[in-house]
Amino acid sequence: MDENQLNNIERIISAFFSDKNLSPDVRMNNSLRYLAKYRSIQIGNTIIQKYGTKVLGGPFKGMNFLDSVSEGCYVPKLLGLYESELHSYIDEIVEKKPGVIINIGCAEGYYAVGLKMLLPDTEVYAFDIDPNAKKKCKQLSEMNNVNINIGDEFKSEILKDFNTKDIVIFCDIEGDEVKLINSHNLDLYKNSEICMELHHNGKDHNKDIIPNILDKTHTTNLIWQKGKNFEVPELISNISHLDILLSAWEWRSYPTPWLIAKPF
């Protein structure tokens, strides 16, 4: 880092702290998140320079990865630590070998491509409304020599097109969960297994809404993000303890548990 970069960071942090429209706690939080993200990006660049862009651990270990993502954190994906709370569930899905996997909100394709690599005989469909995400997802699939079907916005009616009942849905759509699944279209999902990240929905949290909808057709279980037991490359562990912690940080602003819903 040079002096100009440091001065720019100082200017941004100063702006956060001087915003009197926000509470002191919010100003402190915004400043801390900015610095943590900045450092996280530096850690990612350091790892790439030393080890390249192959995923180093987790269920998708060995996957050729991009040098950037469409949104959110990067380092936990590259290290294979990303959403480690779901790793045992991914192992379970791989053991089941479903006929179809649908990834709604696929981003750059970390799950869609990773699961296709582990399940070459499974049809994988990836949907995202962000053109950049779809572009990166296609690039990632080509880097790993797998074929997945990439589409725009997912419509629930698409499920009518599948003859198989052996469908697993992975969903991360940043708060629009109740727009996707509700009491009016629940019948379309009754035979699909669902792994859905749950977010705030206005003043409400979808963790208090979606399970109550799916309870009519599925057994449901919430998985919460808790402390991690993880390893990082020696390159990072030799720098500082804070860098070790930031290597696993997924940039979340608040708790977003995952719902696992399995049809009766």
C-alpha atoms as a PDB file:
ATOM      1  CA  MET A   1       0.000   0.000   0.000  1.00  0.00           C
ATOM      2  CA  ASP A   2       1.337   3.453  -0.883  1.00  0.00           C
ATOM      3  CA  GLU A   3       0.703   6.823   0.733  1.00  0.00           C
ATOM      4  CA  ASN A   4      -1.959   7.822  -1.809  1.00  0.00           C
ATOM      5  CA  GLN A   5      -3.980   4.676  -1.127  1.00  0.00           C
ATOM      6  CA  LEU A   6      -3.719   5.243   2.606  1.00  0.00           C
ATOM      7  CA  ASN A   7      -4.830   8.859   2.224  1.00  0.00           C
ATOM      8  CA  ASN A   8      -7.843   7.746   0.206  1.00  0.00           C
ATOM      9  CA  ILE A   9      -8.835   5.248   2.895  1.00  0.00           C
ATOM     10  CA  GLU A  10      -8.425   7.931   5.552  1.00  0.00           C
ATOM     11  CA  ARG A  11     -10.693  10.267   3.568  1.00  0.00           C
ATOM     12  CA  ILE A  12     -13.419   7.614   3.233  1.00  0.00           C
ATOM     13  CA  ILE A  13     -13.284   6.656   6.903  1.00  0.00           C
ATOM     14  CA  SER A  14     -13.374  10.306   7.889  1.00  0.00           C
ATOM     15  CA  ALA A  15     -16.551  10.728   5.831  1.00  0.00           C
ATOM     16  CA  PHE A  16     -18.136   7.779   7.633  1.00  0.00           C
ATOM     17  CA  PHE A  17     -17.336   9.215  11.053  1.00  0.00           C
ATOM     18  CA  SER A  18     -18.483  12.741  10.192  1.00  0.00           C
ATOM     19  CA  ASP A  19     -21.959  11.693   8.992  1.00  0.00           C
ATOM     20  CA  LYS A  20     -24.047  13.065  11.852  1.00  0.00           C
ATOM     21  CA  ASN A  21     -27.233  11.672  10.285  1.00  0.00           C
ATOM     22  CA  LEU A  22     -26.149   8.235  11.489  1.00  0.00           C
ATOM     23  CA  SER A  23     -25.744   7.006  15.033  1.00  0.00           C
ATOM     24  CA  PRO A  24     -22.216   6.542  16.421  1.00  0.00           C
ATOM     25  CA  ASP A  25     -22.685   2.760  16.360  1.00  0.00           C
ATOM     26  CA  VAL A  26     -23.654   2.780  12.677  1.00  0.00           C
ATOM     27  CA  ARG A  27     -20.747   5.051  11.791  1.00  0.00           C
ATOM     28  CA  MET A  28     -18.349   2.761  13.617  1.00  0.00           C
ATOM     29  CA  ASN A  29     -19.855  -0.307  11.938  1.00  0.00           C
ATOM     30  CA  ASN A  30     -19.643   1.232   8.458  1.00  0.00           C
ATOM     31  CA  SER A  31     -16.016   2.183   9.022  1.00  0.00           C
ATOM     32  CA  LEU A  32     -15.075  -1.227  10.356  1.00  0.00           C
ATOM     33  CA  ARG A  33     -16.800  -3.034   7.471  1.00  0.00           C
ATOM     34  CA  TYR A  34     -15.049  -0.861   4.909  1.00  0.00           C
ATOM     35  CA  LEU A  35     -11.623  -1.509   6.395  1.00  0.00           C
ATOM     36  CA  ALA A  36     -12.329  -5.231   6.772  1.00  0.00           C
ATOM     37  CA  LYS A  37     -13.458  -5.516   3.148  1.00  0.00           C
ATOM     38  CA  TYR A  38     -10.415  -3.607   1.960  1.00  0.00           C
ATOM     39  CA  ARG A  39      -8.106  -5.901   3.892  1.00  0.00           C
ATOM     40  CA  SER A  40     -10.024  -8.962   2.694  1.00  0.00           C
ATOM     41  CA  ILE A  41      -9.393  -7.938  -0.914  1.00  0.00           C
ATOM     42  CA  GLN A  42      -5.690  -7.552  -0.146  1.00  0.00           C
ATOM     43  CA  ILE A  43      -5.638 -11.039   1.385  1.00  0.00           C
ATOM     44  CA  GLY A  44      -7.276 -12.425  -1.746  1.00  0.00           C
ATOM     45  CA  ASN A  45      -4.661 -10.827  -3.982  1.00  0.00           C
ATOM     46  CA  THR A  46      -1.891 -12.240  -1.793  1.00  0.00           C
ATOM     47  CA  ILE A  47      -3.333 -15.757  -1.993  1.00  0.00           C
ATOM     48  CA  ILE A  48      -3.717 -15.556  -5.777  1.00  0.00           C
ATOM     49  CA  GLN A  49      -0.108 -14.418  -6.215  1.00  0.00           C
ATOM     50  CA  LYS A  50       1.163 -17.371  -4.182  1.00  0.00           C
ATOM     51  CA  TYR A  51      -1.268 -20.187  -4.976  1.00  0.00           C
ATOM     52  CA  GLY A  52      -3.250 -19.173  -8.060  1.00  0.00           C
ATOM     53  CA  THR A  53      -7.023 -19.478  -8.308  1.00  0.00           C
ATOM     54  CA  LYS A  54      -7.749 -23.137  -7.654  1.00  0.00           C
ATOM     55  CA  VAL A  55     -10.106 -23.689  -4.726  1.00  0.00           C
ATOM     56  CA  LEU A  56      -7.867 -24.936  -1.922  1.00  0.00           C
ATOM     57  CA  GLY A  57     -10.318 -26.866   0.256  1.00  0.00           C
ATOM     58  CA  GLY A  58     -13.913 -27.774   0.991  1.00  0.00           C
ATOM     59  CA  PRO A  59     -16.276 -29.843  -1.190  1.00  0.00           C
ATOM     60  CA  PHE A  60     -15.176 -28.057  -4.383  1.00  0.00           C
ATOM     61  CA  LYS A  61     -11.448 -28.432  -3.763  1.00  0.00           C
ATOM     62  CA  GLY A  62      -9.509 -28.323  -7.022  1.00  0.00           C
ATOM     63  CA  MET A  63     -12.115 -26.326  -8.933  1.00  0.00           C
ATOM     64  CA  ASN A  64     -10.597 -23.686 -11.171  1.00  0.00           C
ATOM     65  CA  PHE A  65     -11.950 -20.407  -9.847  1.00  0.00           C
ATOM     66  CA  LEU A  66     -12.193 -16.855 -11.100  1.00  0.00           C
ATOM     67  CA  ASP A  67      -9.996 -14.005  -9.905  1.00  0.00           C
ATOM     68  CA  SER A  68     -13.112 -12.100  -8.809  1.00  0.00           C
ATOM     69  CA  VAL A  69     -16.757 -12.800  -7.954  1.00  0.00           C
ATOM     70  CA  SER A  70     -19.961 -11.138  -9.107  1.00  0.00           C
ATOM     71  CA  GLU A  71     -20.704  -9.890  -5.588  1.00  0.00           C
ATOM     72  CA  GLY A  72     -19.810 -10.457  -1.955  1.00  0.00           C
ATOM     73  CA  CYS A  73     -16.796 -12.158  -0.458  1.00  0.00           C
ATOM     74  CA  TYR A  74     -14.036 -13.875  -2.410  1.00  0.00           C
ATOM     75  CA  VAL A  75     -11.427 -15.307  -0.044  1.00  0.00           C
ATOM     76  CA  PRO A  76     -13.679 -17.856   1.747  1.00  0.00           C
ATOM     77  CA  LYS A  77     -14.668 -19.295  -1.639  1.00  0.00           C
ATOM     78  CA  LEU A  78     -11.070 -19.550  -2.822  1.00  0.00           C
ATOM     79  CA  LEU A  79     -10.057 -21.244   0.435  1.00  0.00           C
ATOM     80  CA  GLY A  80     -13.089 -23.555   0.404  1.00  0.00           C
ATOM     81  CA  LEU A  81     -14.375 -22.150   3.700  1.00  0.00           C
ATOM     82  CA  TYR A  82     -17.457 -20.498   2.223  1.00  0.00           C
ATOM     83  CA  GLU A  83     -20.694 -21.412   3.993  1.00  0.00           C
ATOM     84  CA  SER A  84     -18.938 -24.314   5.680  1.00  0.00           C
ATOM     85  CA  GLU A  85     -22.121 -24.931   7.665  1.00  0.00           C
ATOM     86  CA  LEU A  86     -23.518 -26.441   4.444  1.00  0.00           C
ATOM     87  CA  HIS A  87     -20.580 -28.708   3.647  1.00  0.00           C
ATOM     88  CA  SER A  88     -22.129 -31.782   5.249  1.00  0.00           C
ATOM     89  CA  TYR A  89     -25.391 -31.053   3.424  1.00  0.00           C
ATOM     90  CA  ILE A  90     -23.512 -30.832   0.114  1.00  0.00           C
ATOM     91  CA  ASP A  91     -21.948 -34.213   0.878  1.00  0.00           C
ATOM     92  CA  GLU A  92     -25.460 -35.542   1.460  1.00  0.00           C
ATOM     93  CA  ILE A  93     -26.677 -34.198  -1.899  1.00  0.00           C
ATOM     94  CA  VAL A  94     -23.696 -35.707  -3.706  1.00  0.00           C
ATOM     95  CA  GLU A  95     -24.517 -39.055  -2.099  1.00  0.00           C
ATOM     96  CA  LYS A  96     -28.161 -38.794  -3.247  1.00  0.00           C
ATOM     97  CA  LYS A  97     -27.246 -37.970  -6.865  1.00  0.00           C
ATOM     98  CA  PRO A  98     -30.421 -36.008  -7.699  1.00  0.00           C
ATOM     99  CA  GLY A  99     -31.626 -35.852 -11.280  1.00  0.00           C
ATOM    100  CA  VAL A 100     -31.874 -32.052 -11.321  1.00  0.00           C
ATOM    101  CA  ILE A 101     -30.259 -29.217  -9.356  1.00  0.00           C
ATOM    102  CA  ILE A 102     -31.610 -25.689  -9.725  1.00  0.00           C
ATOM    103  CA  ASN A 103     -29.471 -22.820  -8.424  1.00  0.00           C
ATOM    104  CA  ILE A 104     -31.548 -19.646  -8.067  1.00  0.00           C
ATOM    105  CA  GLY A 105     -29.365 -16.580  -7.563  1.00  0.00           C
ATOM    106  CA  CYS A 106     -26.315 -18.406  -8.861  1.00  0.00           C
ATOM    107  CA  ALA A 107     -23.937 -15.411  -8.815  1.00  0.00           C
ATOM    108  CA  GLU A 108     -20.659 -16.437 -10.478  1.00  0.00           C
ATOM    109  CA  GLY A 109     -21.582 -20.124 -10.310  1.00  0.00           C
ATOM    110  CA  TYR A 110     -19.648 -21.298  -7.260  1.00  0.00           C
ATOM    111  CA  TYR A 111     -22.373 -23.774  -6.335  1.00  0.00           C
ATOM    112  CA  ALA A 112     -23.736 -24.511  -9.802  1.00  0.00           C
ATOM    113  CA  VAL A 113     -20.357 -25.359 -11.296  1.00  0.00           C
ATOM    114  CA  GLY A 114     -19.007 -27.006  -8.156  1.00  0.00           C
ATOM    115  CA  LEU A 115     -22.012 -29.313  -7.870  1.00  0.00           C
ATOM    116  CA  LYS A 116     -21.898 -30.167 -11.570  1.00  0.00           C
ATOM    117  CA  MET A 117     -18.272 -31.211 -11.179  1.00  0.00           C
ATOM    118  CA  LEU A 118     -19.242 -33.531  -8.330  1.00  0.00           C
ATOM    119  CA  LEU A 119     -22.402 -34.754 -10.078  1.00  0.00           C
ATOM    120  CA  PRO A 120     -21.631 -35.022 -13.804  1.00  0.00           C
ATOM    121  CA  ASP A 121     -24.834 -36.969 -14.527  1.00  0.00           C
ATOM    122  CA  THR A 122     -27.085 -34.404 -12.822  1.00  0.00           C
ATOM    123  CA  GLU A 123     -28.728 -31.672 -14.882  1.00  0.00           C
ATOM    124  CA  VAL A 124     -27.761 -28.318 -13.363  1.00  0.00           C
ATOM    125  CA  TYR A 125     -29.700 -25.126 -14.033  1.00  0.00           C
ATOM    126  CA  ALA A 126     -28.398 -21.739 -12.878  1.00  0.00           C
ATOM    127  CA  PHE A 127     -30.486 -18.564 -12.770  1.00  0.00           C
ATOM    128  CA  ASP A 128     -29.547 -14.961 -12.032  1.00  0.00           C
ATOM    129  CA  ILE A 129     -30.996 -11.589 -13.030  1.00  0.00           C
ATOM    130  CA  ASP A 130     -27.546  -9.953 -13.032  1.00  0.00           C
ATOM    131  CA  PRO A 131     -25.910 -10.056 -16.506  1.00  0.00           C
ATOM    132  CA  ASN A 132     -22.436  -9.908 -14.965  1.00  0.00           C
ATOM    133  CA  ALA A 133     -23.235 -12.900 -12.752  1.00  0.00           C
ATOM    134  CA  LYS A 134     -24.413 -14.927 -15.745  1.00  0.00           C
ATOM    135  CA  LYS A 135     -21.301 -13.963 -17.693  1.00  0.00           C
ATOM    136  CA  LYS A 136     -19.032 -15.083 -14.877  1.00  0.00           C
ATOM    137  CA  CYS A 137     -21.046 -18.265 -14.357  1.00  0.00           C
ATOM    138  CA  LYS A 138     -20.578 -19.173 -18.018  1.00  0.00           C
ATOM    139  CA  GLN A 139     -16.875 -18.386 -17.769  1.00  0.00           C
ATOM    140  CA  LEU A 140     -16.498 -20.541 -14.663  1.00  0.00           C
ATOM    141  CA  SER A 141     -18.292 -23.469 -16.289  1.00  0.00           C
ATOM    142  CA  GLU A 142     -15.996 -23.250 -19.316  1.00  0.00           C
ATOM    143  CA  MET A 143     -12.903 -23.067 -17.101  1.00  0.00           C
ATOM    144  CA  ASN A 144     -13.942 -26.371 -15.535  1.00  0.00           C
ATOM    145  CA  ASN A 145     -15.237 -28.059 -18.696  1.00  0.00           C
ATOM    146  CA  VAL A 146     -18.783 -28.615 -17.449  1.00  0.00           C
ATOM    147  CA  ASN A 147     -22.080 -27.863 -19.122  1.00  0.00           C
ATOM    148  CA  ILE A 148     -24.781 -26.130 -17.117  1.00  0.00           C
ATOM    149  CA  ASN A 149     -27.927 -24.353 -18.254  1.00  0.00           C
ATOM    150  CA  ILE A 150     -27.799 -20.628 -17.443  1.00  0.00           C
ATOM    151  CA  GLY A 151     -30.942 -18.492 -17.432  1.00  0.00           C
ATOM    152  CA  ASP A 152     -32.315 -15.138 -16.340  1.00  0.00           C
ATOM    153  CA  GLU A 153     -35.035 -14.735 -13.722  1.00  0.00           C
ATOM    154  CA  PHE A 154     -36.382 -17.998 -12.336  1.00  0.00           C
ATOM    155  CA  LYS A 155     -40.145 -18.473 -12.558  1.00  0.00           C
ATOM    156  CA  SER A 156     -41.803 -21.060 -10.329  1.00  0.00           C
ATOM    157  CA  GLU A 157     -43.792 -22.361 -13.307  1.00  0.00           C
ATOM    158  CA  ILE A 158     -40.532 -23.724 -14.725  1.00  0.00           C
ATOM    159  CA  LEU A 159     -40.863 -26.605 -12.273  1.00  0.00           C
ATOM    160  CA  LYS A 160     -43.778 -27.906 -14.347  1.00  0.00           C
ATOM    161  CA  ASP A 161     -41.306 -28.664 -17.144  1.00  0.00           C
ATOM    162  CA  PHE A 162     -39.474 -31.313 -15.142  1.00  0.00           C
ATOM    163  CA  ASN A 163     -40.823 -34.838 -15.224  1.00  0.00           C
ATOM    164  CA  THR A 164     -38.575 -36.011 -12.406  1.00  0.00           C
ATOM    165  CA  LYS A 165     -39.499 -35.486  -8.767  1.00  0.00           C
ATOM    166  CA  ASP A 166     -35.820 -35.747  -7.879  1.00  0.00           C
ATOM    167  CA  ILE A 167     -35.098 -31.995  -7.745  1.00  0.00           C
ATOM    168  CA  VAL A 168     -32.861 -30.051  -5.349  1.00  0.00           C
ATOM    169  CA  ILE A 169     -33.106 -26.257  -5.269  1.00  0.00           C
ATOM    170  CA  PHE A 170     -30.297 -24.033  -3.952  1.00  0.00           C
ATOM    171  CA  CYS A 171     -31.568 -20.499  -3.474  1.00  0.00           C
ATOM    172  CA  ASP A 172     -29.958 -17.197  -2.435  1.00  0.00           C
ATOM    173  CA  ILE A 173     -32.002 -14.216  -3.620  1.00  0.00           C
ATOM    174  CA  GLU A 174     -31.271 -11.547  -1.010  1.00  0.00           C
ATOM    175  CA  GLY A 175     -34.670 -11.133   0.634  1.00  0.00           C
ATOM    176  CA  ASP A 176     -37.040 -12.033  -2.201  1.00  0.00           C
ATOM    177  CA  GLU A 177     -37.706 -15.497  -0.806  1.00  0.00           C
ATOM    178  CA  VAL A 178     -41.375 -14.716  -0.115  1.00  0.00           C
ATOM    179  CA  LYS A 179     -41.818 -13.561  -3.703  1.00  0.00           C
ATOM    180  CA  LEU A 180     -40.537 -16.930  -4.874  1.00  0.00           C
ATOM    181  CA  ILE A 181     -42.370 -19.304  -2.528  1.00  0.00           C
ATOM    182  CA  ASN A 182     -45.746 -18.489  -1.039  1.00  0.00           C
ATOM    183  CA  SER A 183     -49.066 -20.107  -0.251  1.00  0.00           C
ATOM    184  CA  HIS A 184     -50.295 -19.494  -3.819  1.00  0.00           C
ATOM    185  CA  ASN A 185     -47.601 -21.536  -5.573  1.00  0.00           C
ATOM    186  CA  LEU A 186     -46.549 -23.943  -2.837  1.00  0.00           C
ATOM    187  CA  ASP A 187     -47.903 -26.898  -4.785  1.00  0.00           C
ATOM    188  CA  LEU A 188     -45.201 -26.377  -7.424  1.00  0.00           C
ATOM    189  CA  TYR A 189     -42.496 -26.948  -4.799  1.00  0.00           C
ATOM    190  CA  LYS A 190     -44.032 -29.824  -2.878  1.00  0.00           C
ATOM    191  CA  ASN A 191     -41.756 -32.453  -4.450  1.00  0.00           C
ATOM    192  CA  SER A 192     -38.535 -30.419  -4.452  1.00  0.00           C
ATOM    193  CA  GLU A 193     -35.873 -30.402  -1.775  1.00  0.00           C
ATOM    194  CA  ILE A 194     -34.862 -26.838  -0.951  1.00  0.00           C
ATOM    195  CA  CYS A 195     -31.771 -25.212   0.523  1.00  0.00           C
ATOM    196  CA  MET A 196     -32.534 -21.509   0.895  1.00  0.00           C
ATOM    197  CA  GLU A 197     -30.632 -18.700   2.560  1.00  0.00           C
ATOM    198  CA  LEU A 198     -33.065 -16.508   4.492  1.00  0.00           C
ATOM    199  CA  HIS A 199     -32.745 -12.720   4.689  1.00  0.00           C
ATOM    200  CA  HIS A 200     -34.593  -9.686   5.982  1.00  0.00           C
ATOM    201  CA  ASN A 201     -37.801  -8.815   4.153  1.00  0.00           C
ATOM    202  CA  GLY A 202     -38.469  -5.199   5.029  1.00  0.00           C
ATOM    203  CA  LYS A 203     -38.956  -5.095   8.789  1.00  0.00           C
ATOM    204  CA  ASP A 204     -39.461  -8.856   8.936  1.00  0.00           C
ATOM    205  CA  HIS A 205     -37.011 -11.723   8.610  1.00  0.00           C
ATOM    206  CA  ASN A 206     -37.898 -14.544   6.244  1.00  0.00           C
ATOM    207  CA  LYS A 207     -36.730 -17.072   8.833  1.00  0.00           C
ATOM    208  CA  ASP A 208     -40.042 -16.356  10.555  1.00  0.00           C
ATOM    209  CA  ILE A 209     -42.093 -16.674   7.355  1.00  0.00           C
ATOM    210  CA  ILE A 210     -40.775 -19.262   4.883  1.00  0.00           C
ATOM    211  CA  PRO A 211     -40.551 -22.218   7.310  1.00  0.00           C
ATOM    212  CA  ASN A 212     -44.216 -21.718   8.223  1.00  0.00           C
ATOM    213  CA  ILE A 213     -45.167 -21.866   4.541  1.00  0.00           C
ATOM    214  CA  LEU A 214     -43.112 -24.970   3.758  1.00  0.00           C
ATOM    215  CA  ASP A 215     -44.125 -26.807   6.934  1.00  0.00           C
ATOM    216  CA  LYS A 216     -47.273 -27.867   5.094  1.00  0.00           C
ATOM    217  CA  THR A 217     -45.335 -29.955   2.562  1.00  0.00           C
ATOM    218  CA  HIS A 218     -41.802 -30.352   3.936  1.00  0.00           C
ATOM    219  CA  THR A 219     -39.836 -31.116   7.050  1.00  0.00           C
ATOM    220  CA  THR A 220     -37.815 -27.993   7.792  1.00  0.00           C
ATOM    221  CA  ASN A 221     -34.606 -27.261   9.645  1.00  0.00           C
ATOM    222  CA  LEU A 222     -32.697 -24.014  10.120  1.00  0.00           C
ATOM    223  CA  ILE A 223     -28.903 -24.016  10.029  1.00  0.00           C
ATOM    224  CA  TRP A 224     -27.230 -21.055  11.718  1.00  0.00           C
ATOM    225  CA  GLN A 225     -23.782 -19.685  11.080  1.00  0.00           C
ATOM    226  CA  LYS A 226     -21.701 -20.135  14.197  1.00  0.00           C
ATOM    227  CA  GLY A 227     -18.019 -20.244  14.992  1.00  0.00           C
ATOM    228  CA  LYS A 228     -15.760 -21.978  12.483  1.00  0.00           C
ATOM    229  CA  ASN A 229     -12.906 -24.407  12.978  1.00  0.00           C
ATOM    230  CA  PHE A 230     -10.780 -23.824   9.912  1.00  0.00           C
ATOM    231  CA  GLU A 231      -7.294 -23.664   8.475  1.00  0.00           C
ATOM    232  CA  VAL A 232      -5.732 -21.079   6.207  1.00  0.00           C
ATOM    233  CA  PRO A 233      -2.563 -21.283   4.107  1.00  0.00           C
ATOM    234  CA  GLU A 234       0.665 -20.761   6.017  1.00  0.00           C
ATOM    235  CA  LEU A 235       1.193 -17.599   4.019  1.00  0.00           C
ATOM    236  CA  ILE A 236      -1.808 -16.048   5.802  1.00  0.00           C
ATOM    237  CA  SER A 237      -1.373 -17.633   9.224  1.00  0.00           C
ATOM    238  CA  ASN A 238       2.125 -16.171   9.427  1.00  0.00           C
ATOM    239  CA  ILE A 239       0.894 -12.600   8.896  1.00  0.00           C
ATOM    240  CA  SER A 240      -1.548 -11.891  11.710  1.00  0.00           C
ATOM    241  CA  HIS A 241      -4.414 -13.392  13.675  1.00  0.00           C
ATOM    242  CA  LEU A 242      -6.780 -10.756  12.296  1.00  0.00           C
ATOM    243  CA  ASP A 243      -5.963 -11.837   8.739  1.00  0.00           C
ATOM    244  CA  ILE A 244      -6.803 -15.425   9.681  1.00  0.00           C
ATOM    245  CA  LEU A 245     -10.222 -14.295  10.908  1.00  0.00           C
ATOM    246  CA  LEU A 246     -10.826 -12.101   7.860  1.00  0.00           C
ATOM    247  CA  SER A 247     -10.002 -15.023   5.573  1.00  0.00           C
ATOM    248  CA  ALA A 248     -13.171 -16.749   6.735  1.00  0.00           C
ATOM    249  CA  TRP A 249     -15.367 -13.639   6.907  1.00  0.00           C
ATOM    250  CA  GLU A 250     -18.232 -13.772   4.395  1.00  0.00           C
ATOM    251  CA  TRP A 251     -19.144 -10.066   4.517  1.00  0.00           C
ATOM    252  CA  ARG A 252     -22.582 -10.659   6.038  1.00  0.00           C
ATOM    253  CA  SER A 253     -24.239  -7.694   7.752  1.00  0.00           C
ATOM    254  CA  TYR A 254     -26.568  -9.768   9.934  1.00  0.00           C
ATOM    255  CA  PRO A 255     -27.501 -13.431  10.569  1.00  0.00           C
ATOM    256  CA  THR A 256     -28.855 -15.177   7.467  1.00  0.00           C
ATOM    257  CA  PRO A 257     -29.601 -18.801   8.362  1.00  0.00           C
ATOM    258  CA  TRP A 258     -30.181 -21.513   5.794  1.00  0.00           C
ATOM    259  CA  LEU A 259     -33.420 -23.422   5.575  1.00  0.00           C
ATOM    260  CA  ILE A 260     -33.213 -27.078   4.599  1.00  0.00           C
ATOM    261  CA  ALA A 261     -36.665 -28.259   3.518  1.00  0.00           C
ATOM    262  CA  LYS A 262     -37.221 -31.882   2.519  1.00  0.00           C
ATOM    263  CA  PRO A 263     -40.553 -33.035   1.048  1.00  0.00           C
ATOM    264  CA  PHE A 264     -42.656 -35.448   3.097  1.00  0.00           C
END
